[in-house]
Protein backbone atom coordinates (compact mmCIF):
# COMPACT_ATOMS: atom_id res chain seq x y z
CA UNK A 1 179.74 239.15 153.72
CA UNK A 2 182.68 239.25 156.48
CA UNK A 3 184.43 236.49 157.52
CA UNK A 4 184.68 235.30 160.98
CA UNK A 5 188.47 235.36 161.10
CA UNK A 6 188.30 239.01 160.54
CA UNK A 7 185.48 240.06 162.85
CA UNK A 8 185.57 237.61 165.17
CA UNK A 9 183.03 235.07 166.73
CA UNK A 10 179.74 236.21 168.35
CA UNK A 11 177.47 235.28 171.23
CA UNK A 12 174.13 236.00 171.66
CA UNK A 13 172.96 235.83 175.14
CA UNK A 14 168.99 235.96 176.10
CA UNK A 15 168.02 237.57 179.63
CA UNK A 16 164.86 237.07 181.37
CA UNK A 17 164.43 240.41 182.69
CA UNK A 18 162.42 241.31 185.97
CA UNK A 19 161.55 245.09 184.83
CA UNK A 20 160.18 245.65 181.75
CA UNK A 21 162.55 247.91 179.09
CA UNK A 22 162.43 249.22 175.69
CA UNK A 23 165.43 248.66 173.74
CA UNK A 24 166.48 252.47 174.11
CA UNK A 25 165.77 252.19 177.79
CA UNK A 26 168.14 249.35 178.28
CA UNK A 27 170.93 251.08 176.00
CA UNK A 28 170.44 254.02 178.04
CA UNK A 29 170.84 252.13 181.36
CA UNK A 30 173.78 250.19 180.16
CA UNK A 31 175.58 253.72 178.92
CA UNK A 32 174.80 255.13 182.51
CA UNK A 33 176.16 252.35 184.96
CA UNK A 34 178.69 250.84 182.56
CA UNK A 35 179.91 253.83 180.76
CA UNK A 36 181.53 253.18 177.08
CA UNK A 37 181.93 249.70 178.03
CA UNK A 38 178.22 248.91 177.29
CA UNK A 39 177.28 245.68 175.55
CA UNK A 40 175.54 245.72 172.01
CA UNK A 41 171.60 245.27 172.89
CA UNK A 42 170.23 243.21 169.92
CA UNK A 43 166.39 243.59 170.82
CA UNK A 44 164.25 243.28 173.61
CA UNK A 45 160.86 241.84 173.60
CA UNK A 46 158.36 241.50 176.70
CA UNK A 47 160.49 240.30 179.39
CA UNK A 48 163.30 239.13 177.19
CA UNK A 49 166.25 241.00 175.61
CA UNK A 50 169.34 239.44 173.47
CA UNK A 51 172.74 240.79 173.76
CA UNK A 52 175.59 240.11 171.37
CA UNK A 53 179.20 239.92 172.72
CA UNK A 54 182.41 238.06 171.89
CA UNK A 55 182.71 234.47 173.54
CA UNK A 56 185.11 235.59 176.08
CA UNK A 57 182.95 238.44 177.24
CA UNK A 58 180.02 236.61 178.11
CA UNK A 59 180.80 236.41 181.91
CA UNK A 60 181.41 240.15 181.89
CA UNK A 61 177.72 240.51 179.98
CA UNK A 62 176.15 238.90 182.74
CA UNK A 63 177.55 240.83 185.45
CA UNK A 64 176.60 244.21 183.87
CA UNK A 65 173.15 242.84 183.31
CA UNK A 66 173.00 242.02 186.74
CA UNK A 67 174.07 246.07 187.44
CA UNK A 68 171.37 247.25 185.29
CA UNK A 69 168.65 244.93 186.40
CA UNK A 70 169.40 242.82 189.36
CA UNK A 71 166.41 240.44 188.81
CA UNK A 72 167.67 239.44 185.54
CA UNK A 73 168.73 235.80 184.73
CA UNK A 74 170.68 234.46 181.58
CA UNK A 75 168.66 231.93 179.88
CA UNK A 76 170.54 230.82 177.09
CA UNK A 77 173.39 231.61 174.86
CA UNK A 78 173.72 230.82 171.08
CA UNK A 79 176.02 231.40 168.19
CA UNK A 80 173.17 232.44 165.98
CA UNK A 81 170.07 234.42 166.35
CA UNK A 82 167.57 232.00 164.59
CA UNK A 83 168.47 229.24 167.21
CA UNK A 84 167.28 231.65 169.80
CA UNK A 85 164.05 233.09 167.94
CA UNK A 86 163.16 229.20 166.97
CA UNK A 87 163.68 228.47 171.15
CA UNK A 88 161.73 231.96 171.98
CA UNK A 89 158.74 232.51 169.54
CA UNK A 90 158.53 236.21 171.34
CA UNK A 91 161.72 237.15 169.97
CA UNK A 92 160.73 235.82 166.61
CA UNK A 93 157.79 237.96 166.61
CA UNK A 94 159.31 241.46 167.92
CA UNK A 95 162.07 241.38 165.50
CA UNK A 96 162.54 243.69 162.93
CA UNK A 97 161.37 243.36 159.42
CA UNK A 98 164.36 243.40 156.74
CA UNK A 99 164.74 246.45 154.66
């Protein structure tokens, strides 16, 4: 496991989306509108998406998401996916199984 001192801390931001998109569609929209500066999409569930970023990029990710989906709203930010998935069961049901 890589320690936080080497890779840095991460934050996970959950957004309510006004336009339903798959993960692939959202990634493509970010690349088109934000170029190489697109954030990393963890997962999309019906009406919600989780995006990973560093703690100092949270506001930037919110702005980028507004560009891609103007009706989107940032709901919560967390340091762990488990906390988000416990709070929003739809994210737990839609996650990929571990290999």
